[in-house]
Protein backbone atom coordinates (compact mmCIF):
# COMPACT_ATOMS: atom_id res chain seq x y z
CA MET A 1 -112.19 25.87 39.80
CA LYS A 2 -113.33 25.78 36.19
CA ARG A 3 -109.96 27.59 35.48
CA ILE A 4 -107.85 25.07 37.24
CA THR A 5 -109.71 22.28 35.56
CA HIS A 6 -109.26 23.75 31.89
CA LEU A 7 -105.39 24.03 32.68
CA LEU A 8 -105.17 20.46 33.69
CA VAL A 9 -107.21 19.44 30.68
CA ALA A 10 -104.47 21.44 28.55
CA SER A 11 -101.74 20.25 30.25
CA LEU A 12 -102.63 16.64 29.67
CA SER A 13 -103.51 17.28 26.19
CA LEU A 14 -99.90 18.71 25.63
CA SER A 15 -98.50 15.66 27.63
CA ALA A 16 -100.67 13.40 25.07
CA VAL A 17 -98.71 15.33 22.17
CA ALA A 18 -95.30 15.21 23.92
CA GLN A 19 -95.44 11.56 24.77
CA PRO A 20 -94.16 10.18 21.25
CA VAL A 21 -91.65 13.04 21.12
CA ARG A 22 -90.42 11.76 24.41
CA ASN A 23 -90.34 8.05 23.15
CA GLU A 24 -88.33 9.00 20.15
CA ILE A 25 -86.01 11.15 22.25
CA GLU A 26 -85.68 7.80 24.74
CA ARG A 27 -85.02 5.71 21.45
CA ARG A 28 -82.41 8.12 20.23
CA LYS A 29 -80.62 8.13 23.71
CA ASP A 30 -80.80 4.19 24.09
CA LYS A 31 -78.75 3.69 20.78
CA GLN A 32 -76.65 6.48 21.85
CA ASP A 33 -75.90 4.58 25.05
CA LEU A 34 -75.20 1.21 23.32
CA ARG A 35 -72.69 3.24 20.69
CA GLN A 36 -70.90 4.36 23.72
CA ASP A 37 -70.92 1.09 25.54
CA ARG A 38 -69.21 -0.43 22.46
CA ARG A 39 -66.55 2.59 22.28
CA GLN A 40 -65.85 2.08 26.22
CA LEU A 41 -65.52 -1.76 25.83
CA VAL A 42 -63.10 -1.29 23.27
CA ASN A 43 -61.21 1.21 25.20
CA ASP A 44 -61.58 -0.84 28.55
CA SER A 45 -60.18 -3.86 26.90
CA ASN A 46 -57.19 -2.04 25.21
CA ASP A 47 -56.64 -0.39 28.78
CA LEU A 48 -56.48 -3.57 30.40
CA ALA A 49 -54.14 -5.20 27.83
CA ASP A 50 -51.90 -2.16 28.10
CA VAL A 51 -51.51 -2.45 32.14
CA ASN A 52 -51.10 -6.27 31.80
CA ALA A 53 -48.07 -5.70 29.40
CA LEU A 54 -46.40 -3.02 31.55
CA LEU A 55 -46.97 -5.19 34.54
CA ALA A 56 -45.07 -8.12 32.84
CA GLN A 57 -42.34 -5.55 31.39
CA PHE A 58 -41.97 -4.34 35.16
CA ASP A 59 -41.83 -8.07 36.64
CA ALA A 60 -39.42 -9.20 33.94
CA ALA A 61 -36.99 -6.36 34.59
CA VAL A 62 -37.21 -6.93 38.10
CA ALA A 63 -35.95 -10.45 37.83
CA LYS A 64 -33.18 -9.59 35.64
CA LYS A 65 -32.38 -6.78 37.71
CA ASP A 66 -32.46 -4.46 34.97
CA ALA A 67 -32.58 -0.84 36.52
CA ALA A 68 -33.31 0.52 32.55
CA GLY A 69 -36.06 -1.58 32.10
CA ILE A 70 -37.51 -1.12 35.50
CA LYS A 71 -37.29 2.70 34.78
CA ALA A 72 -39.07 2.23 31.18
CA ALA A 73 -42.01 0.53 33.01
CA ASP A 74 -42.29 3.08 35.52
CA GLU A 75 -42.40 5.94 32.73
CA GLY A 76 -45.02 3.46 31.05
CA PHE A 77 -47.33 3.20 34.17
CA SER A 78 -46.88 7.05 34.59
CA ARG A 79 -48.16 7.87 31.08
CA TYR A 80 -51.07 5.21 31.73
CA LEU A 81 -52.01 6.73 34.75
CA ALA A 82 -51.99 10.66 33.36
CA ARG A 83 -53.99 9.50 30.51
CA GLU A 84 -56.72 7.48 33.03
CA ALA A 85 -56.65 10.67 35.23
CA VAL A 86 -58.20 12.43 32.24
CA GLU A 87 -60.33 9.69 31.20
CA ALA A 88 -61.83 9.02 34.55
CA LYS A 89 -63.21 12.46 34.99
CA VAL A 90 -65.02 12.37 31.60
CA GLU A 91 -66.64 9.18 32.88
CA VAL A 92 -67.52 10.54 36.12
CA GLN A 93 -69.37 13.26 34.32
CA GLN A 94 -70.92 11.04 32.14
CA ALA A 95 -72.25 8.90 34.74
CA GLN A 96 -73.70 12.18 36.49
CA GLN A 97 -75.41 12.98 33.36
CA GLU A 98 -77.01 9.44 33.42
CA VAL A 99 -78.34 9.99 36.61
CA ARG A 100 -79.95 13.35 35.58
CA GLU A 101 -81.58 11.85 32.56
CA ASP A 102 -83.11 9.07 34.43
CA ARG A 103 -84.62 11.42 36.67
CA ARG A 104 -86.07 13.19 33.69
CA GLU A 105 -87.43 10.25 32.85
CA VAL A 106 -89.12 9.22 36.04
CA ARG A 107 -90.63 12.93 36.12
CA GLY A 108 -92.10 12.25 32.68
CA ASP A 109 -93.29 8.62 34.16
CA ARG A 110 -95.36 10.53 36.96
CA ARG A 111 -96.88 13.06 34.50
CA GLU A 112 -97.98 10.13 32.32
CA LEU A 113 -99.90 8.20 35.15
CA THR A 114 -101.29 11.73 36.36
CA LYS A 115 -102.54 11.60 32.67
CA ASP A 116 -103.97 8.01 32.79
CA VAL A 117 -105.79 8.52 36.22
CA VAL A 118 -107.58 12.00 35.09
CA THR A 119 -108.66 10.87 31.67
CA GLY A 120 -109.40 7.40 32.88
CA LYS A 121 -107.46 5.21 30.95
CA ARG A 122 -107.98 1.46 31.32
CA VAL A 123 -106.53 -0.51 34.39
CA GLY A 124 -104.07 -2.26 32.35
CA ALA A 125 -102.59 0.79 30.71
CA VAL A 126 -102.31 2.41 34.22
CA ALA A 127 -100.58 -0.75 35.37
CA ASP A 128 -98.07 -0.53 32.35
CA ASP A 129 -97.10 3.12 33.16
CA ALA A 130 -97.12 2.51 36.92
CA ARG A 131 -94.16 -0.41 35.83
CA ASP A 132 -92.31 2.26 33.68
CA LEU A 133 -92.25 4.43 36.55
CA GLY A 134 -90.80 1.59 38.90
CA ARG A 135 -88.29 0.57 36.27
CA ASP A 136 -86.92 4.00 35.66
CA LYS A 137 -87.07 4.59 39.54
CA VAL A 138 -84.66 1.48 39.64
CA ASN A 139 -82.33 2.94 36.84
CA VAL A 140 -81.82 5.96 38.89
CA ALA A 141 -80.73 3.96 41.82
CA ASP A 142 -78.52 1.86 39.69
CA ASP A 143 -76.89 4.73 37.69
CA LYS A 144 -76.31 6.56 40.91
CA SER A 145 -74.33 3.69 42.32
CA ASP A 146 -72.48 3.49 39.17
CA ALA A 147 -71.54 7.25 39.60
CA ALA A 148 -70.51 6.55 43.00
CA LYS A 149 -68.40 3.47 41.73
CA GLU A 150 -66.49 5.94 38.86
CA ARG A 151 -65.75 8.65 41.60
CA ALA A 152 -64.38 5.98 43.75
CA ALA A 153 -62.26 4.72 40.92
CA ARG A 154 -60.73 7.98 40.13
CA ASN A 155 -59.83 8.90 43.83
CA ARG A 156 -58.16 5.97 44.14
CA LEU A 157 -56.21 6.20 40.88
CA ALA A 158 -55.30 9.63 42.02
CA LEU A 159 -53.97 8.34 45.55
CA ILE A 160 -51.84 5.61 43.62
CA ARG A 161 -50.39 8.33 41.54
CA ALA A 162 -49.40 10.03 44.59
CA GLU A 163 -47.83 7.16 46.17
CA LEU A 164 -45.94 6.24 43.12
CA ALA A 165 -44.73 9.49 42.54
CA PRO A 166 -41.67 9.53 44.88
CA LEU A 167 -40.81 5.78 44.14
CA ASN A 168 -40.70 6.50 40.20
CA GLY A 169 -37.29 5.43 38.87
CA LEU A 170 -36.17 3.63 41.90
CA VAL A 171 -34.74 0.31 41.57
CA ASP A 172 -34.08 -0.85 44.97
CA PRO A 173 -36.17 -4.22 46.50
CA ALA A 174 -38.14 -2.02 48.88
CA ALA A 175 -39.17 0.26 46.25
CA THR A 176 -39.81 -2.45 43.69
CA THR A 177 -41.73 -4.55 46.12
CA LYS A 178 -43.92 -1.67 46.84
CA LYS A 179 -44.46 -0.45 43.17
CA ARG A 180 -45.43 -4.12 42.32
CA VAL A 181 -48.09 -3.77 44.90
CA LEU A 182 -49.50 -0.58 43.31
CA TYR A 183 -49.17 -1.59 39.62
CA ALA A 184 -50.99 -4.71 40.57
CA GLU A 185 -53.74 -2.76 42.14
CA VAL A 186 -53.86 -0.67 38.90
CA ALA A 187 -54.54 -3.83 36.71
CA ASN A 188 -57.10 -4.87 38.84
CA LEU A 189 -58.74 -1.30 38.73
CA ALA A 190 -58.47 -1.55 34.89
CA ARG A 191 -60.00 -5.31 35.07
CA THR A 192 -63.08 -4.24 37.32
CA ASP A 193 -63.80 -1.39 34.59
CA LEU A 194 -63.79 -3.69 31.99
CA VAL A 195 -66.45 -5.89 33.96
CA ARG A 196 -68.40 -2.72 34.91
CA THR A 197 -68.75 -1.76 31.14
CA LYS A 198 -69.99 -5.32 30.26
CA VAL A 199 -72.57 -5.09 32.79
CA GLU A 200 -73.65 -1.70 31.60
CA GLN A 201 -73.97 -2.86 28.31
CA GLY A 202 -76.22 -5.19 29.09
CA GLU A 203 -78.31 -3.08 31.33
CA ASP A 204 -78.66 -0.58 28.20
CA ARG A 205 -79.67 -3.54 25.78
CA ARG A 206 -82.42 -4.04 28.35
CA GLU A 207 -83.48 -0.51 28.76
CA LEU A 208 -83.63 -0.56 24.83
CA ARG A 209 -85.96 -3.63 24.90
CA GLU A 210 -88.09 -2.27 27.46
CA ASP A 211 -88.44 1.38 25.95
CA ARG A 212 -89.34 -0.59 23.00
CA ARG A 213 -92.24 -2.30 24.60
CA GLU A 214 -93.14 0.86 26.27
CA ARG A 215 -93.67 2.48 22.82
CA ARG A 216 -95.56 -0.58 21.57
CA GLU A 217 -98.02 -0.16 24.67
CA ASP A 218 -98.26 3.58 24.28
CA ARG A 219 -99.57 3.08 20.76
CA ARG A 220 -102.25 0.44 21.91
CA SER A 221 -103.26 2.52 24.64
CA PRO A 222 -106.66 4.46 24.13
């Protein structure tokens, strides 16, 4: 029993030393997430502008019965969708990585709470760490939802590419009508991506503020 107690005390001592390190890792991650959000926001804005331009090009060509213009718009959408397929795969991997990192933070919060109880920290400090644990659990749920949405968008884009493949280059009314519906959906997906990135940026800014508060509380806690 004494050996177990010694091991527990040693583990908690290491946890106390590791907390500042974990705080610094979280701070760097917060800033990295915001930089990535800014890059993604630019990328998504450009994507939406590109697909809206292609849709306008397609509509104009159909209105003028310009077969060459329709085919040029088809080729533009084909290139766009091929590029999006590559980017979507990366974005799904990033979303899954976010979930893994959030789960690590939850495990760290649980260790911190255990240390609080064993070392008899003041009630306020325990409540602060319990709040941090609850917040990080919410982050896990949010990022799991984001990852699921990224996968669904990638899968839908793949299906749209498959539906468009046999229509590429066709200029008859039935084909152009069906392509118009699918191209409009591509534009809607691009718009949804942009909105989701703006929401993610807001969440990451909130996360940075909360982690700063958590670090201040850790410095005040005895």
